[in-house]
Amino acid sequence: MRSAICLALICSSIAVAQEKPAKPTFEVAIIRPSDPNPSNTVLVGMSADPSIVRYRNLTLRDAIRGAYKVRDFQIVAPDWLSTARFEIDAKLPAGANTDQIPEMFQSLLEERFGLTWRHESKEMQVYALLPGKDGPKLKEAEKQKDDQPLAMGTDGKPRPMVMFGGSSLAVTITAPSASLLTFVGVASRFTSRPLVDETGVEGQYDFKLTFTPEVSTGLMQAPLDNPDAANDPTPPLSDALKQFGLRIEPRKGPVEMFVVTHIEKTPVEN
């Protein structure tokens, strides 16, 4: 009997020792609904200093993407997660740094919105971004000014704003300081398959390129009579990327999906 009790105590101790440490949390977070006006198409704004992180015009889909470091095409969730917008002001605890923001945001989503989820593998057709034959030819980003507009990056932390726009004939992406992970996240908005970074290249770079979008959702439709397009056609993304020593290769393979199993539309009170 004593042996059985001792064995139970040992197993219990091992189980406790193997529990994952608690995620860091914001000291306090104030969540408010944002402007529901459908014409409000401002990109997600984000700013952070040593004590406060602020989000503006944030959808819960954006929040999941940044907190769990997943791409938009990996998220399986209700449609309303892309339309309900929030403003969040969160205070970092003493001694915390911006590298811990994604995990703090996970805690916020799970505690305040009741988020639960699971992983699921799915076979998908993707475009793999790879180094070209002679290697990448990338221009390193210059040091950004303190007043540079910021947005939430793919890693959940603040990054310089990436601008894009155009029409169904040509879209331009301008990124004065972006990683390749950030770049493929924006470019994937205009490709028929998700674009996945397989270059292994780290760092921040200066990008500006114009290409013909495969998907033009959210862009203006170009007029049918456009002589400039015939005289100076815009290249596809695969050709536009050659100036940076990069190439695209179609592939099929398993992609890990982030499946939302539960989430509340209204957060727990501040």
C-alpha atoms as a PDB file:
ATOM      1  CA  MET A   1       0.000   0.000   0.000  1.00  0.00           C
ATOM      2  CA  ARG A   2       2.833   2.353   0.985  1.00  0.00           C
ATOM      3  CA  SER A   3       4.601   1.567  -2.313  1.00  0.00           C
ATOM      4  CA  ALA A   4       1.465   2.441  -4.275  1.00  0.00           C
ATOM      5  CA  ILE A   5       1.122   5.764  -2.464  1.00  0.00           C
ATOM      6  CA  CYS A   6       4.782   6.613  -3.037  1.00  0.00           C
ATOM      7  CA  LEU A   7       4.471   5.728  -6.711  1.00  0.00           C
ATOM      8  CA  ALA A   8       1.393   7.958  -7.034  1.00  0.00           C
ATOM      9  CA  LEU A   9       3.215  10.846  -5.372  1.00  0.00           C
ATOM     10  CA  ILE A  10       6.206  10.410  -7.691  1.00  0.00           C
ATOM     11  CA  CYS A  11       3.973  10.371 -10.794  1.00  0.00           C
ATOM     12  CA  SER A  12       2.132  13.443  -9.519  1.00  0.00           C
ATOM     13  CA  SER A  13       5.456  15.261  -8.998  1.00  0.00           C
ATOM     14  CA  ILE A  14       6.617  14.379 -12.495  1.00  0.00           C
ATOM     15  CA  ALA A  15       3.327  15.637 -13.981  1.00  0.00           C
ATOM     16  CA  VAL A  16       3.674  18.947 -12.136  1.00  0.00           C
ATOM     17  CA  ALA A  17       7.301  19.297 -13.219  1.00  0.00           C
ATOM     18  CA  GLN A  18       6.310  18.720 -16.844  1.00  0.00           C
ATOM     19  CA  GLU A  19       3.563  21.369 -16.892  1.00  0.00           C
ATOM     20  CA  LYS A  20       4.293  24.218 -19.255  1.00  0.00           C
ATOM     21  CA  PRO A  21       5.192  27.492 -17.591  1.00  0.00           C
ATOM     22  CA  ALA A  22       2.401  30.055 -17.558  1.00  0.00           C
ATOM     23  CA  LYS A  23       2.388  32.466 -20.490  1.00  0.00           C
ATOM     24  CA  PRO A  24       3.314  36.073 -19.729  1.00  0.00           C
ATOM     25  CA  THR A  25       0.374  38.460 -19.573  1.00  0.00           C
ATOM     26  CA  PHE A  26      -0.191  42.189 -19.959  1.00  0.00           C
ATOM     27  CA  GLU A  27      -0.410  43.946 -16.602  1.00  0.00           C
ATOM     28  CA  VAL A  28      -3.687  45.499 -17.745  1.00  0.00           C
ATOM     29  CA  ALA A  29      -5.467  45.704 -21.129  1.00  0.00           C
ATOM     30  CA  ILE A  30      -8.359  47.942 -22.164  1.00  0.00           C
ATOM     31  CA  ILE A  31     -10.391  46.636 -25.134  1.00  0.00           C
ATOM     32  CA  ARG A  32     -12.913  48.804 -26.981  1.00  0.00           C
ATOM     33  CA  PRO A  33     -14.936  48.217 -30.167  1.00  0.00           C
ATOM     34  CA  SER A  34     -13.501  50.167 -33.106  1.00  0.00           C
ATOM     35  CA  ASP A  35     -15.336  52.145 -35.801  1.00  0.00           C
ATOM     36  CA  PRO A  36     -17.733  49.668 -37.481  1.00  0.00           C
ATOM     37  CA  ASN A  37     -17.920  51.839 -40.608  1.00  0.00           C
ATOM     38  CA  PRO A  38     -17.255  49.438 -43.549  1.00  0.00           C
ATOM     39  CA  SER A  39     -15.423  52.233 -45.394  1.00  0.00           C
ATOM     40  CA  ASN A  40     -12.798  52.244 -42.632  1.00  0.00           C
ATOM     41  CA  THR A  41     -10.066  50.389 -44.536  1.00  0.00           C
ATOM     42  CA  VAL A  42      -7.089  51.772 -42.635  1.00  0.00           C
ATOM     43  CA  LEU A  43      -4.371  49.190 -42.072  1.00  0.00           C
ATOM     44  CA  VAL A  44      -3.885  47.838 -38.576  1.00  0.00           C
ATOM     45  CA  GLY A  45      -1.932  50.428 -36.614  1.00  0.00           C
ATOM     46  CA  MET A  46       0.407  49.462 -33.807  1.00  0.00           C
ATOM     47  CA  SER A  47       2.789  51.357 -31.566  1.00  0.00           C
ATOM     48  CA  ALA A  48       4.876  50.281 -28.625  1.00  0.00           C
ATOM     49  CA  ASP A  49       7.150  51.883 -26.070  1.00  0.00           C
ATOM     50  CA  PRO A  50       8.824  50.356 -22.985  1.00  0.00           C
ATOM     51  CA  SER A  51       5.494  50.231 -21.114  1.00  0.00           C
ATOM     52  CA  ILE A  52       2.471  50.479 -23.456  1.00  0.00           C
ATOM     53  CA  VAL A  53       1.437  48.712 -26.667  1.00  0.00           C
ATOM     54  CA  ARG A  54      -1.497  50.100 -28.652  1.00  0.00           C
ATOM     55  CA  TYR A  55      -3.504  48.541 -31.486  1.00  0.00           C
ATOM     56  CA  ARG A  56      -5.960  50.386 -33.707  1.00  0.00           C
ATOM     57  CA  ASN A  57      -8.437  49.020 -36.264  1.00  0.00           C
ATOM     58  CA  LEU A  58      -7.589  45.459 -35.237  1.00  0.00           C
ATOM     59  CA  THR A  59      -9.692  42.471 -36.295  1.00  0.00           C
ATOM     60  CA  LEU A  60      -9.528  39.268 -34.262  1.00  0.00           C
ATOM     61  CA  ARG A  61      -8.154  37.537 -37.345  1.00  0.00           C
ATOM     62  CA  ASP A  62      -5.293  40.068 -37.340  1.00  0.00           C
ATOM     63  CA  ALA A  63      -4.842  39.449 -33.624  1.00  0.00           C
ATOM     64  CA  ILE A  64      -4.602  35.662 -34.043  1.00  0.00           C
ATOM     65  CA  ARG A  65      -2.168  36.054 -36.934  1.00  0.00           C
ATOM     66  CA  GLY A  66       0.196  38.203 -34.885  1.00  0.00           C
ATOM     67  CA  ALA A  67      -0.170  36.446 -31.533  1.00  0.00           C
ATOM     68  CA  TYR A  68       0.378  32.891 -32.803  1.00  0.00           C
ATOM     69  CA  LYS A  69       2.678  33.829 -35.731  1.00  0.00           C
ATOM     70  CA  VAL A  70       0.505  32.170 -38.364  1.00  0.00           C
ATOM     71  CA  ARG A  71      -0.286  33.353 -41.866  1.00  0.00           C
ATOM     72  CA  ASP A  72      -3.762  34.418 -42.931  1.00  0.00           C
ATOM     73  CA  PHE A  73      -4.261  31.380 -45.181  1.00  0.00           C
ATOM     74  CA  GLN A  74      -3.590  29.062 -42.213  1.00  0.00           C
ATOM     75  CA  ILE A  75      -6.467  30.412 -40.109  1.00  0.00           C
ATOM     76  CA  VAL A  76      -9.797  28.554 -40.234  1.00  0.00           C
ATOM     77  CA  ALA A  77     -12.337  30.717 -38.398  1.00  0.00           C
ATOM     78  CA  PRO A  78     -15.809  32.307 -38.600  1.00  0.00           C
ATOM     79  CA  ASP A  79     -16.163  35.091 -41.187  1.00  0.00           C
ATOM     80  CA  TRP A  80     -16.951  37.749 -38.567  1.00  0.00           C
ATOM     81  CA  LEU A  81     -13.394  37.566 -37.239  1.00  0.00           C
ATOM     82  CA  SER A  82     -12.410  39.584 -40.332  1.00  0.00           C
ATOM     83  CA  THR A  83     -14.938  42.378 -39.782  1.00  0.00           C
ATOM     84  CA  ALA A  84     -15.337  43.067 -36.043  1.00  0.00           C
ATOM     85  CA  ARG A  85     -12.632  45.593 -35.128  1.00  0.00           C
ATOM     86  CA  PHE A  86     -11.155  46.637 -31.802  1.00  0.00           C
ATOM     87  CA  GLU A  87      -8.846  49.149 -30.161  1.00  0.00           C
ATOM     88  CA  ILE A  88      -6.543  47.740 -27.495  1.00  0.00           C
ATOM     89  CA  ASP A  89      -4.298  49.578 -25.039  1.00  0.00           C
ATOM     90  CA  ALA A  90      -2.161  47.157 -23.045  1.00  0.00           C
ATOM     91  CA  LYS A  91       0.424  47.822 -20.351  1.00  0.00           C
ATOM     92  CA  LEU A  92       3.529  45.662 -20.233  1.00  0.00           C
ATOM     93  CA  PRO A  93       4.623  44.456 -16.787  1.00  0.00           C
ATOM     94  CA  ALA A  94       7.862  45.778 -15.325  1.00  0.00           C
ATOM     95  CA  GLY A  95      10.910  44.146 -16.902  1.00  0.00           C
ATOM     96  CA  ALA A  96       9.033  42.869 -19.971  1.00  0.00           C
ATOM     97  CA  ASN A  97      10.126  43.591 -23.552  1.00  0.00           C
ATOM     98  CA  THR A  98       8.511  43.658 -26.989  1.00  0.00           C
ATOM     99  CA  ASP A  99       9.739  40.110 -27.756  1.00  0.00           C
ATOM    100  CA  GLN A 100       7.162  38.867 -25.218  1.00  0.00           C
ATOM    101  CA  ILE A 101       4.220  40.735 -26.789  1.00  0.00           C
ATOM    102  CA  PRO A 102       2.983  37.805 -28.960  1.00  0.00           C
ATOM    103  CA  GLU A 103       2.686  35.473 -25.940  1.00  0.00           C
ATOM    104  CA  MET A 104       0.994  38.219 -23.906  1.00  0.00           C
ATOM    105  CA  PHE A 105      -1.458  38.662 -26.758  1.00  0.00           C
ATOM    106  CA  GLN A 106      -2.144  34.913 -26.726  1.00  0.00           C
ATOM    107  CA  SER A 107      -3.052  35.196 -23.049  1.00  0.00           C
ATOM    108  CA  LEU A 108      -5.350  38.138 -23.796  1.00  0.00           C
ATOM    109  CA  LEU A 109      -7.208  36.277 -26.564  1.00  0.00           C
ATOM    110  CA  GLU A 110      -7.606  33.144 -24.471  1.00  0.00           C
ATOM    111  CA  GLU A 111      -8.645  34.905 -21.255  1.00  0.00           C
ATOM    112  CA  ARG A 112     -10.712  37.818 -22.565  1.00  0.00           C
ATOM    113  CA  PHE A 113     -12.239  36.322 -25.748  1.00  0.00           C
ATOM    114  CA  GLY A 114     -12.297  32.659 -24.629  1.00  0.00           C
ATOM    115  CA  LEU A 115     -10.269  31.551 -27.657  1.00  0.00           C
ATOM    116  CA  THR A 116      -9.685  27.815 -28.064  1.00  0.00           C
ATOM    117  CA  TRP A 117      -8.098  26.200 -31.122  1.00  0.00           C
ATOM    118  CA  ARG A 118      -6.404  23.145 -32.538  1.00  0.00           C
ATOM    119  CA  HIS A 119      -3.804  22.339 -35.198  1.00  0.00           C
ATOM    120  CA  GLU A 120      -4.790  20.455 -38.342  1.00  0.00           C
ATOM    121  CA  SER A 121      -2.690  19.473 -41.367  1.00  0.00           C
ATOM    122  CA  LYS A 122      -3.975  20.198 -44.880  1.00  0.00           C
ATOM    123  CA  GLU A 123      -2.517  19.537 -48.339  1.00  0.00           C
ATOM    124  CA  MET A 124      -2.275  22.836 -50.234  1.00  0.00           C
ATOM    125  CA  GLN A 125      -0.895  24.259 -53.453  1.00  0.00           C
ATOM    126  CA  VAL A 126       1.570  27.046 -52.606  1.00  0.00           C
ATOM    127  CA  TYR A 127       4.216  29.244 -54.196  1.00  0.00           C
ATOM    128  CA  ALA A 128       7.623  28.784 -52.560  1.00  0.00           C
ATOM    129  CA  LEU A 129       9.854  31.890 -52.564  1.00  0.00           C
ATOM    130  CA  LEU A 130      13.431  30.747 -53.180  1.00  0.00           C
ATOM    131  CA  PRO A 131      16.861  32.302 -53.918  1.00  0.00           C
ATOM    132  CA  GLY A 132      17.594  32.749 -57.617  1.00  0.00           C
ATOM    133  CA  LYS A 133      20.415  31.017 -59.476  1.00  0.00           C
ATOM    134  CA  ASP A 134      22.996  33.632 -58.437  1.00  0.00           C
ATOM    135  CA  GLY A 135      21.613  34.203 -54.942  1.00  0.00           C
ATOM    136  CA  PRO A 136      19.553  37.058 -53.460  1.00  0.00           C
ATOM    137  CA  LYS A 137      20.297  40.663 -54.472  1.00  0.00           C
ATOM    138  CA  LEU A 138      18.583  42.525 -51.643  1.00  0.00           C
ATOM    139  CA  LYS A 139      19.042  46.131 -50.500  1.00  0.00           C
ATOM    140  CA  GLU A 140      19.414  46.377 -46.737  1.00  0.00           C
ATOM    141  CA  ALA A 141      16.954  48.716 -45.055  1.00  0.00           C
ATOM    142  CA  GLU A 142      18.173  52.057 -43.787  1.00  0.00           C
ATOM    143  CA  LYS A 143      17.705  53.013 -40.142  1.00  0.00           C
ATOM    144  CA  GLN A 144      14.100  54.096 -39.685  1.00  0.00           C
ATOM    145  CA  LYS A 145      13.095  57.416 -38.163  1.00  0.00           C
ATOM    146  CA  ASP A 146      11.352  57.462 -34.781  1.00  0.00           C
ATOM    147  CA  ASP A 147       8.186  58.914 -36.325  1.00  0.00           C
ATOM    148  CA  GLN A 148       7.929  56.104 -38.922  1.00  0.00           C
ATOM    149  CA  PRO A 149       4.308  54.759 -39.081  1.00  0.00           C
ATOM    150  CA  LEU A 150       4.086  51.275 -37.576  1.00  0.00           C
ATOM    151  CA  ALA A 151       1.849  48.260 -38.106  1.00  0.00           C
ATOM    152  CA  MET A 152       1.616  44.807 -36.553  1.00  0.00           C
ATOM    153  CA  GLY A 153       4.134  42.469 -38.131  1.00  0.00           C
ATOM    154  CA  THR A 154       3.747  38.792 -38.998  1.00  0.00           C
ATOM    155  CA  ASP A 155       5.599  38.019 -35.766  1.00  0.00           C
ATOM    156  CA  GLY A 156       3.123  40.051 -33.687  1.00  0.00           C
ATOM    157  CA  LYS A 157       5.600  42.853 -32.964  1.00  0.00           C
ATOM    158  CA  PRO A 158       5.571  46.411 -34.344  1.00  0.00           C
ATOM    159  CA  ARG A 159       7.213  46.953 -37.746  1.00  0.00           C
ATOM    160  CA  PRO A 160       7.460  49.822 -40.240  1.00  0.00           C
ATOM    161  CA  MET A 161       4.320  50.180 -42.338  1.00  0.00           C
ATOM    162  CA  VAL A 162       4.210  48.327 -45.683  1.00  0.00           C
ATOM    163  CA  MET A 163       2.206  50.217 -48.303  1.00  0.00           C
ATOM    164  CA  PHE A 164       0.408  48.648 -51.257  1.00  0.00           C
ATOM    165  CA  GLY A 165      -2.171  49.666 -53.817  1.00  0.00           C
ATOM    166  CA  GLY A 166      -3.057  49.740 -57.476  1.00  0.00           C
ATOM    167  CA  SER A 167      -5.597  48.208 -59.788  1.00  0.00           C
ATOM    168  CA  SER A 168      -6.484  44.851 -61.337  1.00  0.00           C
ATOM    169  CA  LEU A 169      -3.754  45.519 -63.937  1.00  0.00           C
ATOM    170  CA  ALA A 170      -0.900  46.485 -61.632  1.00  0.00           C
ATOM    171  CA  VAL A 171      -0.231  46.539 -57.897  1.00  0.00           C
ATOM    172  CA  THR A 172       2.754  48.167 -56.209  1.00  0.00           C
ATOM    173  CA  ILE A 173       4.238  47.122 -52.860  1.00  0.00           C
ATOM    174  CA  THR A 174       6.514  49.592 -51.077  1.00  0.00           C
ATOM    175  CA  ALA A 175       8.330  48.388 -47.969  1.00  0.00           C
ATOM    176  CA  PRO A 176      11.221  50.554 -46.720  1.00  0.00           C
ATOM    177  CA  SER A 177      12.104  48.016 -44.016  1.00  0.00           C
ATOM    178  CA  ALA A 178      10.630  44.529 -44.141  1.00  0.00           C
ATOM    179  CA  SER A 179      11.690  40.933 -43.651  1.00  0.00           C
ATOM    180  CA  LEU A 180      10.976  38.405 -46.373  1.00  0.00           C
ATOM    181  CA  LEU A 181       8.377  36.889 -44.038  1.00  0.00           C
ATOM    182  CA  THR A 182       6.580  40.245 -43.951  1.00  0.00           C
ATOM    183  CA  PHE A 183       6.926  40.695 -47.698  1.00  0.00           C
ATOM    184  CA  VAL A 184       5.376  37.319 -48.586  1.00  0.00           C
ATOM    185  CA  GLY A 185       2.535  38.027 -46.157  1.00  0.00           C
ATOM    186  CA  VAL A 186       1.597  41.172 -48.108  1.00  0.00           C
ATOM    187  CA  ALA A 187       2.279  39.758 -51.589  1.00  0.00           C
ATOM    188  CA  SER A 188       0.055  36.735 -50.830  1.00  0.00           C
ATOM    189  CA  ARG A 189      -2.950  39.066 -50.894  1.00  0.00           C
ATOM    190  CA  PHE A 190      -2.541  39.200 -54.683  1.00  0.00           C
ATOM    191  CA  THR A 191      -1.536  35.628 -55.595  1.00  0.00           C
ATOM    192  CA  SER A 192      -3.852  32.705 -56.365  1.00  0.00           C
ATOM    193  CA  ARG A 193      -1.784  30.478 -54.065  1.00  0.00           C
ATOM    194  CA  PRO A 194      -0.263  31.339 -50.670  1.00  0.00           C
ATOM    195  CA  LEU A 195       3.318  32.591 -50.987  1.00  0.00           C
ATOM    196  CA  VAL A 196       5.692  30.890 -48.530  1.00  0.00           C
ATOM    197  CA  ASP A 197       9.199  32.093 -47.662  1.00  0.00           C
ATOM    198  CA  GLU A 198      11.688  29.255 -48.206  1.00  0.00           C
ATOM    199  CA  THR A 199      14.783  31.443 -48.719  1.00  0.00           C
ATOM    200  CA  GLY A 200      16.222  31.136 -45.213  1.00  0.00           C
ATOM    201  CA  VAL A 201      17.251  34.797 -45.500  1.00  0.00           C
ATOM    202  CA  GLU A 202      17.012  36.887 -42.315  1.00  0.00           C
ATOM    203  CA  GLY A 203      17.153  40.660 -41.896  1.00  0.00           C
ATOM    204  CA  GLN A 204      15.260  43.780 -42.961  1.00  0.00           C
ATOM    205  CA  TYR A 205      15.301  44.970 -46.580  1.00  0.00           C
ATOM    206  CA  ASP A 206      14.005  47.759 -48.811  1.00  0.00           C
ATOM    207  CA  PHE A 207      11.448  46.532 -51.353  1.00  0.00           C
ATOM    208  CA  LYS A 208       9.559  48.322 -54.082  1.00  0.00           C
ATOM    209  CA  LEU A 209       8.068  46.393 -56.987  1.00  0.00           C
ATOM    210  CA  THR A 210       5.101  46.489 -59.329  1.00  0.00           C
ATOM    211  CA  PHE A 211       3.481  43.378 -60.791  1.00  0.00           C
ATOM    212  CA  THR A 212       0.245  42.059 -62.270  1.00  0.00           C
ATOM    213  CA  PRO A 213      -1.933  40.599 -59.489  1.00  0.00           C
ATOM    214  CA  GLU A 214      -3.402  37.124 -59.926  1.00  0.00           C
ATOM    215  CA  VAL A 215      -6.125  38.100 -57.427  1.00  0.00           C
ATOM    216  CA  SER A 216      -7.454  41.662 -57.449  1.00  0.00           C
ATOM    217  CA  THR A 217      -9.948  41.563 -54.558  1.00  0.00           C
ATOM    218  CA  GLY A 218     -10.045  44.974 -52.899  1.00  0.00           C
ATOM    219  CA  LEU A 219      -8.318  46.702 -55.827  1.00  0.00           C
ATOM    220  CA  MET A 220      -9.868  49.086 -58.317  1.00  0.00           C
ATOM    221  CA  GLN A 221     -10.892  47.521 -61.606  1.00  0.00           C
ATOM    222  CA  ALA A 222      -8.792  48.974 -64.420  1.00  0.00           C
ATOM    223  CA  PRO A 223     -10.687  50.516 -67.344  1.00  0.00           C
ATOM    224  CA  LEU A 224     -11.121  48.229 -70.347  1.00  0.00           C
ATOM    225  CA  ASP A 225      -9.620  50.836 -72.659  1.00  0.00           C
ATOM    226  CA  ASN A 226      -6.124  51.321 -71.247  1.00  0.00           C
ATOM    227  CA  PRO A 227      -3.522  51.923 -73.998  1.00  0.00           C
ATOM    228  CA  ASP A 228      -0.688  52.288 -71.474  1.00  0.00           C
ATOM    229  CA  ALA A 229      -1.183  48.697 -70.349  1.00  0.00           C
ATOM    230  CA  ALA A 230      -0.729  47.415 -73.899  1.00  0.00           C
ATOM    231  CA  ASN A 231       2.383  49.530 -74.520  1.00  0.00           C
ATOM    232  CA  ASP A 232       4.046  48.835 -71.186  1.00  0.00           C
ATOM    233  CA  PRO A 233       2.615  45.631 -69.686  1.00  0.00           C
ATOM    234  CA  THR A 234       3.270  44.953 -66.007  1.00  0.00           C
ATOM    235  CA  PRO A 235       5.267  41.759 -65.336  1.00  0.00           C
ATOM    236  CA  PRO A 236       3.925  38.880 -63.247  1.00  0.00           C
ATOM    237  CA  LEU A 237       5.260  38.596 -59.687  1.00  0.00           C
ATOM    238  CA  SER A 238       7.695  35.838 -60.696  1.00  0.00           C
ATOM    239  CA  ASP A 239       9.408  38.203 -63.163  1.00  0.00           C
ATOM    240  CA  ALA A 240       9.235  41.255 -60.895  1.00  0.00           C
ATOM    241  CA  LEU A 241      11.126  39.348 -58.194  1.00  0.00           C
ATOM    242  CA  LYS A 242      14.114  38.650 -60.455  1.00  0.00           C
ATOM    243  CA  GLN A 243      15.531  42.120 -59.699  1.00  0.00           C
ATOM    244  CA  PHE A 244      15.986  40.923 -56.094  1.00  0.00           C
ATOM    245  CA  GLY A 245      17.603  37.623 -57.076  1.00  0.00           C
ATOM    246  CA  LEU A 246      14.514  35.671 -56.030  1.00  0.00           C
ATOM    247  CA  ARG A 247      12.274  33.161 -57.788  1.00  0.00           C
ATOM    248  CA  ILE A 248       8.930  31.405 -57.274  1.00  0.00           C
ATOM    249  CA  GLU A 249       8.341  27.662 -57.538  1.00  0.00           C
ATOM    250  CA  PRO A 250       4.846  26.071 -57.428  1.00  0.00           C
ATOM    251  CA  ARG A 251       4.663  23.279 -54.872  1.00  0.00           C
ATOM    252  CA  LYS A 252       2.172  21.050 -53.072  1.00  0.00           C
ATOM    253  CA  GLY A 253       2.611  19.921 -49.511  1.00  0.00           C
ATOM    254  CA  PRO A 254       1.168  19.724 -45.997  1.00  0.00           C
ATOM    255  CA  VAL A 255       0.405  23.045 -44.305  1.00  0.00           C
ATOM    256  CA  GLU A 256      -0.357  23.313 -40.599  1.00  0.00           C
ATOM    257  CA  MET A 257      -3.715  25.040 -40.131  1.00  0.00           C
ATOM    258  CA  PHE A 258      -4.867  27.024 -37.074  1.00  0.00           C
ATOM    259  CA  VAL A 259      -8.489  25.982 -36.521  1.00  0.00           C
ATOM    260  CA  VAL A 260     -10.520  28.195 -34.185  1.00  0.00           C
ATOM    261  CA  THR A 261     -12.886  25.974 -32.166  1.00  0.00           C
ATOM    262  CA  HIS A 262     -14.382  28.740 -29.981  1.00  0.00           C
ATOM    263  CA  ILE A 263     -14.188  32.513 -29.601  1.00  0.00           C
ATOM    264  CA  GLU A 264     -16.534  35.119 -28.133  1.00  0.00           C
ATOM    265  CA  LYS A 265     -17.606  38.230 -30.033  1.00  0.00           C
ATOM    266  CA  THR A 266     -17.638  40.318 -26.865  1.00  0.00           C
ATOM    267  CA  PRO A 267     -14.586  40.278 -24.573  1.00  0.00           C
ATOM    268  CA  VAL A 268     -14.722  39.975 -20.808  1.00  0.00           C
ATOM    269  CA  GLU A 269     -15.072  43.445 -19.242  1.00  0.00           C
ATOM    270  CA  ASN A 270     -11.969  45.604 -18.808  1.00  0.00           C
END
